[in-house]
Amino acid sequence: MRLKTILCGLAGLVLSAAVVPNAEAQDDKFISFGSSASGSSQYVYAGMLIGMARPHLPEMSITNEAVSGTTQNLDLLRRGEVQMAIVSPERLHAAYHGQASYEGQPIPATILWVMNEQATVIFTRADSSIKSIDDLRGKRVAIGPAGSSNEIKNAFILEAHGFTRTPDTKSDFNELTTVKLSHSEAANALAEGAIDAAIATQPVPDPSFAELSYSVPLRYIGVEKEKFGDVAKLYRWMWPTTVKAGSFKGLDQDLLTLGDRNYVIAHRDNLSEKAAYDITKTYVEKLLPEMAKQADYLLPFAGNPKALTGPWAVPGHPGAVKYYTERGLTPDVTQ
């Protein structure tokens, strides 16, 4: 990711304000935006958005909250500590419908727009014997922080490739050793030889591994096309995607793999329809075209606003839906 993007993201950060218990006061003025871990592409994205939004939404004070990921963001959304957040589809779907760990406690989380596409890439050293996912047998493999959406989906990818889960565990396998690390921790561990590979389902390029590629030659491996159907049987929230050549140093040809989407969401009850409408309109018409000049992964959305409207894992916020409807765009909600 270009230094310009990072600097702009950091420039957009503001000190966290205390949570205001009055939801109406939060609606139009104080909005906490849960992104992801500090330094991650999601965190930089939120900071860039906030910084650029200030002149267009002067009546709103939006803060960028560093969190561990989707799970924490949904918990914060439930408690009213954030009004907006970045999340991945499987947890969002379960939370909205009150399923799995959210059984009996549904969260009124609604979508504002698709933030980006993510791609599943297996990173290993270029001099490693690992050339496919099957070669991970007997290896130490980072799959994401414990409790993260990366841990969940990357474990399903391993299962689809024939790895068997250790009984009564979420993401431990009999044929390899999984290590629960953030992407920055995994990149450091790979550099030091503490792990053999890392699976990351993240926006491309992930900054941690992109930086590592300049000091340690890396090999990049995707999910094999023949396994797409097997993954879909276990986990339906991934779609084919391509990592373009040059996205990482040493990636000399396009890499076909699977990926999912990140969504920018909002609490249906703690963000007013007007605020959601204004934020969505400002993002699509004012911010996204400028942000795409600094973050290449946003270019497809800037060039085609329809891509912002689906597939969505849950319904949209009424304010966002109102805006898209006015533009003649109908959100595509996956059932």
C-alpha atoms as a PDB file:
ATOM      1  CA  MET A   1       0.000   0.000   0.000  1.00  0.00           C
ATOM      2  CA  ARG A   2       1.407   3.325  -0.938  1.00  0.00           C
ATOM      3  CA  LEU A   3       2.890   5.545   1.740  1.00  0.00           C
ATOM      4  CA  LYS A   4       0.514   8.302   0.638  1.00  0.00           C
ATOM      5  CA  THR A   5      -2.451   6.145   1.609  1.00  0.00           C
ATOM      6  CA  ILE A   6      -1.038   5.342   5.015  1.00  0.00           C
ATOM      7  CA  LEU A   7      -0.200   8.948   5.758  1.00  0.00           C
ATOM      8  CA  CYS A   8      -3.665  10.049   4.678  1.00  0.00           C
ATOM      9  CA  GLY A   9      -5.192   7.351   6.852  1.00  0.00           C
ATOM     10  CA  LEU A  10      -3.209   8.390   9.868  1.00  0.00           C
ATOM     11  CA  ALA A  11      -4.081  11.996   9.209  1.00  0.00           C
ATOM     12  CA  GLY A  12      -7.732  11.057   9.378  1.00  0.00           C
ATOM     13  CA  LEU A  13      -7.513   9.637  12.861  1.00  0.00           C
ATOM     14  CA  VAL A  14      -8.931  11.540  15.757  1.00  0.00           C
ATOM     15  CA  LEU A  15      -8.867  10.886  19.447  1.00  0.00           C
ATOM     16  CA  SER A  16     -11.697   8.650  20.628  1.00  0.00           C
ATOM     17  CA  ALA A  17     -14.543  10.540  22.188  1.00  0.00           C
ATOM     18  CA  ALA A  18     -16.456   9.219  25.163  1.00  0.00           C
ATOM     19  CA  VAL A  19     -19.534   7.270  24.185  1.00  0.00           C
ATOM     20  CA  VAL A  20     -22.625   9.428  24.544  1.00  0.00           C
ATOM     21  CA  PRO A  21     -25.469   7.399  26.023  1.00  0.00           C
ATOM     22  CA  ASN A  22     -28.155   9.375  24.199  1.00  0.00           C
ATOM     23  CA  ALA A  23     -28.595   7.608  20.854  1.00  0.00           C
ATOM     24  CA  GLU A  24     -30.194  10.651  19.241  1.00  0.00           C
ATOM     25  CA  ALA A  25     -27.165  12.781  20.139  1.00  0.00           C
ATOM     26  CA  GLN A  26     -24.927  10.151  18.559  1.00  0.00           C
ATOM     27  CA  ASP A  27     -27.028   9.963  15.396  1.00  0.00           C
ATOM     28  CA  ASP A  28     -26.043  13.269  13.929  1.00  0.00           C
ATOM     29  CA  LYS A  29     -22.923  14.325  15.805  1.00  0.00           C
ATOM     30  CA  PHE A  30     -20.801  11.718  17.599  1.00  0.00           C
ATOM     31  CA  ILE A  31     -20.237   8.552  15.576  1.00  0.00           C
ATOM     32  CA  SER A  32     -17.741   5.847  16.508  1.00  0.00           C
ATOM     33  CA  PHE A  33     -16.504   3.768  13.584  1.00  0.00           C
ATOM     34  CA  GLY A  34     -15.048   0.354  14.526  1.00  0.00           C
ATOM     35  CA  SER A  35     -12.463  -0.605  11.893  1.00  0.00           C
ATOM     36  CA  SER A  36      -9.790  -3.198  12.702  1.00  0.00           C
ATOM     37  CA  ALA A  37      -6.345  -3.549  14.236  1.00  0.00           C
ATOM     38  CA  SER A  38      -4.138  -0.477  14.135  1.00  0.00           C
ATOM     39  CA  GLY A  39      -2.075  -0.475  10.941  1.00  0.00           C
ATOM     40  CA  SER A  40      -4.383  -2.856   9.074  1.00  0.00           C
ATOM     41  CA  SER A  41      -5.801  -1.883   5.693  1.00  0.00           C
ATOM     42  CA  GLN A  42      -9.270  -1.553   7.252  1.00  0.00           C
ATOM     43  CA  TYR A  43      -7.930   0.805   9.905  1.00  0.00           C
ATOM     44  CA  VAL A  44      -6.177   2.926   7.285  1.00  0.00           C
ATOM     45  CA  TYR A  45      -9.328   2.901   5.141  1.00  0.00           C
ATOM     46  CA  ALA A  46     -11.456   4.195   8.016  1.00  0.00           C
ATOM     47  CA  GLY A  47      -8.911   6.882   8.844  1.00  0.00           C
ATOM     48  CA  MET A  48      -8.730   8.008   5.229  1.00  0.00           C
ATOM     49  CA  LEU A  49     -12.526   8.117   4.967  1.00  0.00           C
ATOM     50  CA  ILE A  50     -12.885  10.103   8.186  1.00  0.00           C
ATOM     51  CA  GLY A  51     -10.211  12.606   7.224  1.00  0.00           C
ATOM     52  CA  MET A  52     -11.726  13.253   3.808  1.00  0.00           C
ATOM     53  CA  ALA A  53     -15.300  13.395   5.169  1.00  0.00           C
ATOM     54  CA  ARG A  54     -14.730  16.326   7.531  1.00  0.00           C
ATOM     55  CA  PRO A  55     -15.257  19.145   5.002  1.00  0.00           C
ATOM     56  CA  HIS A  56     -18.361  17.432   3.605  1.00  0.00           C
ATOM     57  CA  LEU A  57     -19.966  16.414   6.913  1.00  0.00           C
ATOM     58  CA  PRO A  58     -18.881  19.178   9.314  1.00  0.00           C
ATOM     59  CA  GLU A  59     -21.822  18.515  11.626  1.00  0.00           C
ATOM     60  CA  MET A  60     -20.541  15.002  12.387  1.00  0.00           C
ATOM     61  CA  SER A  61     -17.612  13.984  14.577  1.00  0.00           C
ATOM     62  CA  ILE A  62     -16.540  10.510  13.470  1.00  0.00           C
ATOM     63  CA  THR A  63     -13.822   8.605  15.337  1.00  0.00           C
ATOM     64  CA  ASN A  64     -11.791   5.627  14.144  1.00  0.00           C
ATOM     65  CA  GLU A  65     -11.767   2.853  16.767  1.00  0.00           C
ATOM     66  CA  ALA A  66      -9.008   0.219  16.591  1.00  0.00           C
ATOM     67  CA  VAL A  67     -10.481  -3.221  17.309  1.00  0.00           C
ATOM     68  CA  SER A  68      -9.470  -6.853  16.833  1.00  0.00           C
ATOM     69  CA  GLY A  69     -11.916  -7.446  13.981  1.00  0.00           C
ATOM     70  CA  THR A  70     -15.459  -8.465  13.077  1.00  0.00           C
ATOM     71  CA  THR A  71     -16.304 -10.240  16.314  1.00  0.00           C
ATOM     72  CA  GLN A  72     -15.389  -7.306  18.539  1.00  0.00           C
ATOM     73  CA  ASN A  73     -17.064  -4.854  16.177  1.00  0.00           C
ATOM     74  CA  LEU A  74     -20.355  -6.724  16.405  1.00  0.00           C
ATOM     75  CA  ASP A  75     -20.080  -6.885  20.191  1.00  0.00           C
ATOM     76  CA  LEU A  76     -19.447  -3.140  20.328  1.00  0.00           C
ATOM     77  CA  LEU A  77     -22.338  -2.539  17.956  1.00  0.00           C
ATOM     78  CA  ARG A  78     -24.616  -4.603  20.184  1.00  0.00           C
ATOM     79  CA  ARG A  79     -23.644  -2.524  23.223  1.00  0.00           C
ATOM     80  CA  GLY A  80     -24.050   0.763  21.375  1.00  0.00           C
ATOM     81  CA  GLU A  81     -20.369   1.656  21.731  1.00  0.00           C
ATOM     82  CA  VAL A  82     -19.940   2.013  17.961  1.00  0.00           C
ATOM     83  CA  GLN A  83     -22.534   3.062  15.413  1.00  0.00           C
ATOM     84  CA  MET A  84     -20.591   2.025  12.301  1.00  0.00           C
ATOM     85  CA  ALA A  85     -18.184  -0.854  11.735  1.00  0.00           C
ATOM     86  CA  ILE A  86     -16.329  -2.979   9.199  1.00  0.00           C
ATOM     87  CA  VAL A  87     -17.316  -6.653   9.264  1.00  0.00           C
ATOM     88  CA  SER A  88     -17.157  -9.812   7.171  1.00  0.00           C
ATOM     89  CA  PRO A  89     -20.258 -11.662   5.935  1.00  0.00           C
ATOM     90  CA  GLU A  90     -20.558 -14.884   7.923  1.00  0.00           C
ATOM     91  CA  ARG A  91     -20.565 -13.288  11.383  1.00  0.00           C
ATOM     92  CA  LEU A  92     -22.769 -10.452  10.171  1.00  0.00           C
ATOM     93  CA  HIS A  93     -25.361 -12.907   8.820  1.00  0.00           C
ATOM     94  CA  ALA A  94     -25.344 -14.932  12.049  1.00  0.00           C
ATOM     95  CA  ALA A  95     -25.586 -11.812  14.228  1.00  0.00           C
ATOM     96  CA  TYR A  96     -28.460 -10.295  12.257  1.00  0.00           C
ATOM     97  CA  HIS A  97     -30.464 -13.522  12.336  1.00  0.00           C
ATOM     98  CA  GLY A  98     -29.581 -14.447  15.933  1.00  0.00           C
ATOM     99  CA  GLN A  99     -27.805 -17.662  14.958  1.00  0.00           C
ATOM    100  CA  ALA A 100     -24.758 -19.594  16.231  1.00  0.00           C
ATOM    101  CA  SER A 101     -23.095 -17.651  19.066  1.00  0.00           C
ATOM    102  CA  TYR A 102     -25.726 -14.912  18.645  1.00  0.00           C
ATOM    103  CA  GLU A 103     -28.668 -17.271  19.223  1.00  0.00           C
ATOM    104  CA  GLY A 104     -31.461 -15.438  20.982  1.00  0.00           C
ATOM    105  CA  GLN A 105     -29.573 -12.141  20.771  1.00  0.00           C
ATOM    106  CA  PRO A 106     -29.877 -10.802  17.220  1.00  0.00           C
ATOM    107  CA  ILE A 107     -28.106  -7.546  16.435  1.00  0.00           C
ATOM    108  CA  PRO A 108     -29.824  -4.936  14.210  1.00  0.00           C
ATOM    109  CA  ALA A 109     -26.733  -4.580  12.032  1.00  0.00           C
ATOM    110  CA  THR A 110     -27.484  -3.231   8.565  1.00  0.00           C
ATOM    111  CA  ILE A 111     -25.272  -2.574   5.554  1.00  0.00           C
ATOM    112  CA  LEU A 112     -24.251   0.818   4.181  1.00  0.00           C
ATOM    113  CA  TRP A 113     -22.006  -0.423   1.352  1.00  0.00           C
ATOM    114  CA  VAL A 114     -19.513  -3.061   0.252  1.00  0.00           C
ATOM    115  CA  MET A 115     -16.116  -1.796   1.361  1.00  0.00           C
ATOM    116  CA  ASN A 116     -13.891  -4.079  -0.681  1.00  0.00           C
ATOM    117  CA  GLU A 117     -13.168  -7.563  -1.874  1.00  0.00           C
ATOM    118  CA  GLN A 118     -10.780  -9.778   0.030  1.00  0.00           C
ATOM    119  CA  ALA A 119      -8.641 -12.616  -1.284  1.00  0.00           C
ATOM    120  CA  THR A 120      -7.357 -15.751   0.415  1.00  0.00           C
ATOM    121  CA  VAL A 121      -3.600 -16.026  -0.033  1.00  0.00           C
ATOM    122  CA  ILE A 122      -1.207 -18.503   1.547  1.00  0.00           C
ATOM    123  CA  PHE A 123       2.135 -16.816   2.230  1.00  0.00           C
ATOM    124  CA  THR A 124       5.313 -18.830   2.635  1.00  0.00           C
ATOM    125  CA  ARG A 125       8.987 -18.221   2.035  1.00  0.00           C
ATOM    126  CA  ALA A 126      10.114 -18.603  -1.567  1.00  0.00           C
ATOM    127  CA  ASP A 127      12.676 -21.238  -0.528  1.00  0.00           C
ATOM    128  CA  SER A 128      10.023 -23.305   1.287  1.00  0.00           C
ATOM    129  CA  SER A 129       8.939 -26.766   0.142  1.00  0.00           C
ATOM    130  CA  ILE A 130       5.311 -25.588   0.387  1.00  0.00           C
ATOM    131  CA  LYS A 131       3.844 -25.173  -3.086  1.00  0.00           C
ATOM    132  CA  SER A 132       0.180 -26.009  -2.461  1.00  0.00           C
ATOM    133  CA  ILE A 133      -2.277 -26.126   0.428  1.00  0.00           C
ATOM    134  CA  ASP A 134      -1.796 -29.897   0.633  1.00  0.00           C
ATOM    135  CA  ASP A 135       1.893 -29.259   1.406  1.00  0.00           C
ATOM    136  CA  LEU A 136       0.868 -27.619   4.691  1.00  0.00           C
ATOM    137  CA  ARG A 137       0.693 -31.073   6.288  1.00  0.00           C
ATOM    138  CA  GLY A 138       3.032 -31.257   9.235  1.00  0.00           C
ATOM    139  CA  LYS A 139       3.644 -27.508   9.162  1.00  0.00           C
ATOM    140  CA  ARG A 140       3.040 -24.588  11.529  1.00  0.00           C
ATOM    141  CA  VAL A 141       0.426 -22.379   9.927  1.00  0.00           C
ATOM    142  CA  ALA A 142      -0.975 -19.025  11.096  1.00  0.00           C
ATOM    143  CA  ILE A 143      -4.682 -18.705  10.309  1.00  0.00           C
ATOM    144  CA  GLY A 144      -5.652 -15.441  12.036  1.00  0.00           C
ATOM    145  CA  PRO A 145      -6.298 -14.285  15.612  1.00  0.00           C
ATOM    146  CA  ALA A 146      -8.370 -16.496  17.890  1.00  0.00           C
ATOM    147  CA  GLY A 147     -12.037 -15.604  17.542  1.00  0.00           C
ATOM    148  CA  SER A 148     -11.533 -13.712  14.293  1.00  0.00           C
ATOM    149  CA  SER A 149     -13.427 -14.239  11.065  1.00  0.00           C
ATOM    150  CA  ASN A 150     -10.106 -15.203   9.477  1.00  0.00           C
ATOM    151  CA  GLU A 151      -9.784 -18.086  11.922  1.00  0.00           C
ATOM    152  CA  ILE A 152     -13.261 -19.316  10.961  1.00  0.00           C
ATOM    153  CA  LYS A 153     -13.050 -19.098   7.171  1.00  0.00           C
ATOM    154  CA  ASN A 154      -9.441 -20.229   6.876  1.00  0.00           C
ATOM    155  CA  ALA A 155     -10.274 -23.280   8.997  1.00  0.00           C
ATOM    156  CA  PHE A 156     -13.077 -24.139   6.573  1.00  0.00           C
ATOM    157  CA  ILE A 157     -10.624 -23.836   3.670  1.00  0.00           C
ATOM    158  CA  LEU A 158      -8.301 -26.311   5.378  1.00  0.00           C
ATOM    159  CA  GLU A 159     -11.199 -28.676   6.062  1.00  0.00           C
ATOM    160  CA  ALA A 160     -12.254 -28.529   2.410  1.00  0.00           C
ATOM    161  CA  HIS A 161      -8.730 -29.602   1.480  1.00  0.00           C
ATOM    162  CA  GLY A 162      -9.020 -32.760   3.585  1.00  0.00           C
ATOM    163  CA  PHE A 163      -7.510 -31.636   6.869  1.00  0.00           C
ATOM    164  CA  THR A 164      -9.444 -33.060   9.836  1.00  0.00           C
ATOM    165  CA  ARG A 165     -10.351 -30.986  12.865  1.00  0.00           C
ATOM    166  CA  THR A 166      -9.227 -32.136  16.285  1.00  0.00           C
ATOM    167  CA  PRO A 167     -12.347 -33.164  18.250  1.00  0.00           C
ATOM    168  CA  ASP A 168     -13.934 -30.457  20.399  1.00  0.00           C
ATOM    169  CA  THR A 169     -11.827 -27.681  18.877  1.00  0.00           C
ATOM    170  CA  LYS A 170     -12.738 -24.857  16.523  1.00  0.00           C
ATOM    171  CA  SER A 171      -9.646 -24.600  14.363  1.00  0.00           C
ATOM    172  CA  ASP A 172      -7.076 -27.182  15.476  1.00  0.00           C
ATOM    173  CA  PHE A 173      -6.229 -29.921  12.993  1.00  0.00           C
ATOM    174  CA  ASN A 174      -4.665 -33.358  13.255  1.00  0.00           C
ATOM    175  CA  GLU A 175      -2.374 -32.930  10.239  1.00  0.00           C
ATOM    176  CA  LEU A 176      -0.848 -29.529  11.012  1.00  0.00           C
ATOM    177  CA  THR A 177      -0.372 -27.020  13.816  1.00  0.00           C
ATOM    178  CA  THR A 178      -2.491 -23.897  13.585  1.00  0.00           C
ATOM    179  CA  VAL A 179      -1.201 -20.729  15.205  1.00  0.00           C
ATOM    180  CA  LYS A 180      -3.570 -17.893  16.083  1.00  0.00           C
ATOM    181  CA  LEU A 181      -1.776 -14.683  15.105  1.00  0.00           C
ATOM    182  CA  SER A 182      -2.736 -11.330  13.623  1.00  0.00           C
ATOM    183  CA  HIS A 183      -1.397 -10.674  10.139  1.00  0.00           C
ATOM    184  CA  SER A 184       1.356  -8.388  11.409  1.00  0.00           C
ATOM    185  CA  GLU A 185       2.369 -11.003  13.995  1.00  0.00           C
ATOM    186  CA  ALA A 186       2.237 -13.735  11.349  1.00  0.00           C
ATOM    187  CA  ALA A 187       4.439 -11.735   8.979  1.00  0.00           C
ATOM    188  CA  ASN A 188       7.045 -11.304  11.731  1.00  0.00           C
ATOM    189  CA  ALA A 189       6.820 -14.980  12.667  1.00  0.00           C
ATOM    190  CA  LEU A 190       7.291 -16.006   9.033  1.00  0.00           C
ATOM    191  CA  ALA A 191      10.336 -13.761   8.747  1.00  0.00           C
ATOM    192  CA  GLU A 192      11.828 -15.286  11.915  1.00  0.00           C
ATOM    193  CA  GLY A 193      11.043 -18.871  10.916  1.00  0.00           C
ATOM    194  CA  ALA A 194       8.643 -19.382  13.834  1.00  0.00           C
ATOM    195  CA  ILE A 195       5.921 -20.509  11.414  1.00  0.00           C
ATOM    196  CA  ASP A 196       6.067 -22.138   7.990  1.00  0.00           C
ATOM    197  CA  ALA A 197       3.140 -20.374   6.341  1.00  0.00           C
ATOM    198  CA  ALA A 198       0.269 -17.988   6.947  1.00  0.00           C
ATOM    199  CA  ILE A 199      -3.231 -17.986   5.489  1.00  0.00           C
ATOM    200  CA  ALA A 200      -4.720 -14.519   5.215  1.00  0.00           C
ATOM    201  CA  THR A 201      -8.103 -13.571   3.797  1.00  0.00           C
ATOM    202  CA  GLN A 202      -7.578  -9.836   3.522  1.00  0.00           C
ATOM    203  CA  PRO A 203      -7.750  -6.920   1.120  1.00  0.00           C
ATOM    204  CA  VAL A 204      -4.918  -6.939  -1.392  1.00  0.00           C
ATOM    205  CA  PRO A 205      -2.237  -5.995  -0.783  1.00  0.00           C
ATOM    206  CA  ASP A 206      -2.187  -6.780   2.924  1.00  0.00           C
ATOM    207  CA  PRO A 207       0.286  -4.196   4.275  1.00  0.00           C
ATOM    208  CA  SER A 208       2.060  -6.576   6.664  1.00  0.00           C
ATOM    209  CA  PHE A 209       2.925  -9.164   4.010  1.00  0.00           C
ATOM    210  CA  ALA A 210       3.517  -6.527   1.340  1.00  0.00           C
ATOM    211  CA  GLU A 211       6.184  -4.972   3.567  1.00  0.00           C
ATOM    212  CA  LEU A 212       7.664  -8.380   4.370  1.00  0.00           C
ATOM    213  CA  SER A 213       7.990  -9.222   0.667  1.00  0.00           C
ATOM    214  CA  TYR A 214      10.626  -6.494   0.292  1.00  0.00           C
ATOM    215  CA  SER A 215      12.932  -8.106   2.845  1.00  0.00           C
ATOM    216  CA  VAL A 216      12.054 -11.809   2.523  1.00  0.00           C
ATOM    217  CA  PRO A 217      11.294 -13.412  -0.880  1.00  0.00           C
ATOM    218  CA  LEU A 218       7.825 -14.944  -0.655  1.00  0.00           C
ATOM    219  CA  ARG A 219       5.764 -17.528  -2.510  1.00  0.00           C
ATOM    220  CA  TYR A 220       2.042 -16.872  -2.965  1.00  0.00           C
ATOM    221  CA  ILE A 221      -0.473 -19.710  -3.148  1.00  0.00           C
ATOM    222  CA  GLY A 222      -4.206 -19.521  -3.816  1.00  0.00           C
ATOM    223  CA  VAL A 223      -7.095 -21.877  -3.197  1.00  0.00           C
ATOM    224  CA  GLU A 224      -7.121 -24.381  -6.053  1.00  0.00           C
ATOM    225  CA  LYS A 225     -10.000 -23.963  -8.505  1.00  0.00           C
ATOM    226  CA  GLU A 226     -10.867 -27.654  -8.161  1.00  0.00           C
ATOM    227  CA  LYS A 227     -11.592 -27.053  -4.459  1.00  0.00           C
ATOM    228  CA  PHE A 228     -13.951 -24.077  -4.891  1.00  0.00           C
ATOM    229  CA  GLY A 229     -17.020 -26.306  -4.785  1.00  0.00           C
ATOM    230  CA  ASP A 230     -15.773 -28.170  -1.708  1.00  0.00           C
ATOM    231  CA  VAL A 231     -15.246 -24.887   0.137  1.00  0.00           C
ATOM    232  CA  ALA A 232     -18.724 -23.674  -0.863  1.00  0.00           C
ATOM    233  CA  LYS A 233     -20.315 -26.795   0.661  1.00  0.00           C
ATOM    234  CA  LEU A 234     -18.779 -25.925   4.025  1.00  0.00           C
ATOM    235  CA  TYR A 235     -18.749 -22.141   3.865  1.00  0.00           C
ATOM    236  CA  ARG A 236     -20.946 -20.227   1.403  1.00  0.00           C
ATOM    237  CA  TRP A 237     -19.565 -16.752   1.936  1.00  0.00           C
ATOM    238  CA  MET A 238     -16.653 -16.927  -0.506  1.00  0.00           C
ATOM    239  CA  TRP A 239     -16.522 -16.203  -4.209  1.00  0.00           C
ATOM    240  CA  PRO A 240     -13.820 -16.629  -6.909  1.00  0.00           C
ATOM    241  CA  THR A 241     -11.479 -13.661  -7.160  1.00  0.00           C
ATOM    242  CA  THR A 242      -8.148 -12.845  -8.762  1.00  0.00           C
ATOM    243  CA  VAL A 243      -5.076 -11.300  -7.165  1.00  0.00           C
ATOM    244  CA  LYS A 244      -3.458  -9.288  -9.916  1.00  0.00           C
ATOM    245  CA  ALA A 245       0.188  -9.769 -10.835  1.00  0.00           C
ATOM    246  CA  GLY A 246       2.342  -7.185  -9.118  1.00  0.00           C
ATOM    247  CA  SER A 247       0.061  -6.902  -6.083  1.00  0.00           C
ATOM    248  CA  PHE A 248       2.988  -8.232  -4.036  1.00  0.00           C
ATOM    249  CA  LYS A 249       6.698  -8.154  -4.807  1.00  0.00           C
ATOM    250  CA  GLY A 250       7.522 -11.387  -6.614  1.00  0.00           C
ATOM    251  CA  LEU A 251       3.953 -12.149  -7.714  1.00  0.00           C
ATOM    252  CA  ASP A 252       4.617 -12.278 -11.447  1.00  0.00           C
ATOM    253  CA  GLN A 253       1.281 -13.625 -12.682  1.00  0.00           C
ATOM    254  CA  ASP A 254      -2.375 -13.382 -11.721  1.00  0.00           C
ATOM    255  CA  LEU A 255      -3.381 -15.665  -8.854  1.00  0.00           C
ATOM    256  CA  LEU A 256      -6.866 -17.203  -8.944  1.00  0.00           C
ATOM    257  CA  THR A 257      -8.256 -17.898  -5.490  1.00  0.00           C
ATOM    258  CA  LEU A 258     -11.326 -17.429  -3.318  1.00  0.00           C
ATOM    259  CA  GLY A 259     -12.283 -14.326  -1.396  1.00  0.00           C
ATOM    260  CA  ASP A 260     -15.087 -12.609   0.415  1.00  0.00           C
ATOM    261  CA  ARG A 261     -16.218  -9.056   1.031  1.00  0.00           C
ATOM    262  CA  ASN A 262     -15.924  -6.568   3.832  1.00  0.00           C
ATOM    263  CA  TYR A 263     -18.995  -4.465   4.551  1.00  0.00           C
ATOM    264  CA  VAL A 264     -19.335  -1.078   6.174  1.00  0.00           C
ATOM    265  CA  ILE A 265     -22.363  -1.488   8.419  1.00  0.00           C
ATOM    266  CA  ALA A 266     -24.393   0.623  10.800  1.00  0.00           C
ATOM    267  CA  HIS A 267     -26.618  -0.027  13.786  1.00  0.00           C
ATOM    268  CA  ARG A 268     -30.159   0.331  12.479  1.00  0.00           C
ATOM    269  CA  ASP A 269     -31.426   1.979  15.668  1.00  0.00           C
ATOM    270  CA  ASN A 270     -28.386   4.018  16.760  1.00  0.00           C
ATOM    271  CA  LEU A 271     -27.713   5.710  13.437  1.00  0.00           C
ATOM    272  CA  SER A 272     -30.607   7.777  12.087  1.00  0.00           C
ATOM    273  CA  GLU A 273     -31.943   7.366   8.572  1.00  0.00           C
ATOM    274  CA  LYS A 274     -30.807  10.913   7.760  1.00  0.00           C
ATOM    275  CA  ALA A 275     -27.275  10.323   9.017  1.00  0.00           C
ATOM    276  CA  ALA A 276     -26.997   7.018   7.126  1.00  0.00           C
ATOM    277  CA  TYR A 277     -28.307   8.679   3.966  1.00  0.00           C
ATOM    278  CA  ASP A 278     -25.898  11.616   4.242  1.00  0.00           C
ATOM    279  CA  ILE A 279     -22.887   9.410   4.997  1.00  0.00           C
ATOM    280  CA  THR A 280     -23.657   7.015   2.147  1.00  0.00           C
ATOM    281  CA  LYS A 281     -24.276   9.801  -0.369  1.00  0.00           C
ATOM    282  CA  THR A 282     -21.099  11.608   0.665  1.00  0.00           C
ATOM    283  CA  TYR A 283     -19.050   8.428   0.467  1.00  0.00           C
ATOM    284  CA  VAL A 284     -20.283   7.397  -2.983  1.00  0.00           C
ATOM    285  CA  GLU A 285     -20.231  10.835  -4.607  1.00  0.00           C
ATOM    286  CA  LYS A 286     -17.415  12.689  -2.861  1.00  0.00           C
ATOM    287  CA  LEU A 287     -15.075  10.373  -0.954  1.00  0.00           C
ATOM    288  CA  LEU A 288     -14.840   7.157  -2.951  1.00  0.00           C
ATOM    289  CA  PRO A 289     -13.566   8.774  -6.192  1.00  0.00           C
ATOM    290  CA  GLU A 290     -10.750  10.474  -4.239  1.00  0.00           C
ATOM    291  CA  MET A 291      -9.970   7.467  -2.032  1.00  0.00           C
ATOM    292  CA  ALA A 292      -9.701   5.232  -5.115  1.00  0.00           C
ATOM    293  CA  LYS A 293      -6.840   7.416  -6.374  1.00  0.00           C
ATOM    294  CA  GLN A 294      -4.837   6.323  -3.328  1.00  0.00           C
ATOM    295  CA  ALA A 295      -6.089   2.764  -2.794  1.00  0.00           C
ATOM    296  CA  ASP A 296      -6.266   0.682  -5.964  1.00  0.00           C
ATOM    297  CA  TYR A 297      -8.605  -1.895  -4.448  1.00  0.00           C
ATOM    298  CA  LEU A 298     -11.343   0.762  -4.419  1.00  0.00           C
ATOM    299  CA  LEU A 299     -11.157   1.468  -8.154  1.00  0.00           C
ATOM    300  CA  PRO A 300     -13.769  -1.156  -9.164  1.00  0.00           C
ATOM    301  CA  PHE A 301     -16.268   0.400  -6.756  1.00  0.00           C
ATOM    302  CA  ALA A 302     -15.553   3.959  -7.794  1.00  0.00           C
ATOM    303  CA  GLY A 303     -16.080   3.007 -11.423  1.00  0.00           C
ATOM    304  CA  ASN A 304     -19.218   0.976 -10.770  1.00  0.00           C
ATOM    305  CA  PRO A 305     -21.383   2.081  -7.805  1.00  0.00           C
ATOM    306  CA  LYS A 306     -23.605  -0.968  -8.394  1.00  0.00           C
ATOM    307  CA  ALA A 307     -20.763  -3.044  -6.902  1.00  0.00           C
ATOM    308  CA  LEU A 308     -21.395  -1.288  -3.575  1.00  0.00           C
ATOM    309  CA  THR A 309     -24.889  -2.778  -3.388  1.00  0.00           C
ATOM    310  CA  GLY A 310     -24.227  -6.486  -3.335  1.00  0.00           C
ATOM    311  CA  PRO A 311     -24.172  -9.219  -2.749  1.00  0.00           C
ATOM    312  CA  TRP A 312     -25.174  -8.162   0.753  1.00  0.00           C
ATOM    313  CA  ALA A 313     -25.325 -10.738   3.547  1.00  0.00           C
ATOM    314  CA  VAL A 314     -28.169  -8.880   5.346  1.00  0.00           C
ATOM    315  CA  PRO A 315     -30.534  -6.006   4.471  1.00  0.00           C
ATOM    316  CA  GLY A 316     -29.310  -2.440   4.202  1.00  0.00           C
ATOM    317  CA  HIS A 317     -29.830   0.474   6.537  1.00  0.00           C
ATOM    318  CA  PRO A 318     -33.002   2.349   5.526  1.00  0.00           C
ATOM    319  CA  GLY A 319     -31.005   5.529   4.929  1.00  0.00           C
ATOM    320  CA  ALA A 320     -28.540   3.804   2.608  1.00  0.00           C
ATOM    321  CA  VAL A 321     -31.299   1.951   0.765  1.00  0.00           C
ATOM    322  CA  LYS A 322     -33.124   5.249   0.240  1.00  0.00           C
ATOM    323  CA  TYR A 323     -30.021   6.755  -1.364  1.00  0.00           C
ATOM    324  CA  TYR A 324     -29.383   3.793  -3.673  1.00  0.00           C
ATOM    325  CA  THR A 325     -33.048   3.636  -4.670  1.00  0.00           C
ATOM    326  CA  GLU A 326     -32.943   7.291  -5.682  1.00  0.00           C
ATOM    327  CA  ARG A 327     -30.003   6.430  -7.941  1.00  0.00           C
ATOM    328  CA  GLY A 328     -31.885   3.528  -9.504  1.00  0.00           C
ATOM    329  CA  LEU A 329     -29.748   0.900  -7.742  1.00  0.00           C
ATOM    330  CA  THR A 330     -31.423  -2.042  -6.042  1.00  0.00           C
ATOM    331  CA  PRO A 331     -29.348  -3.764  -3.332  1.00  0.00           C
ATOM    332  CA  ASP A 332     -28.825  -7.500  -3.873  1.00  0.00           C
ATOM    333  CA  VAL A 333     -29.415  -9.233  -0.543  1.00  0.00           C
ATOM    334  CA  THR A 334     -28.270 -12.856  -0.394  1.00  0.00           C
ATOM    335  CA  GLN A 335     -30.847 -15.178   1.119  1.00  0.00           C
END
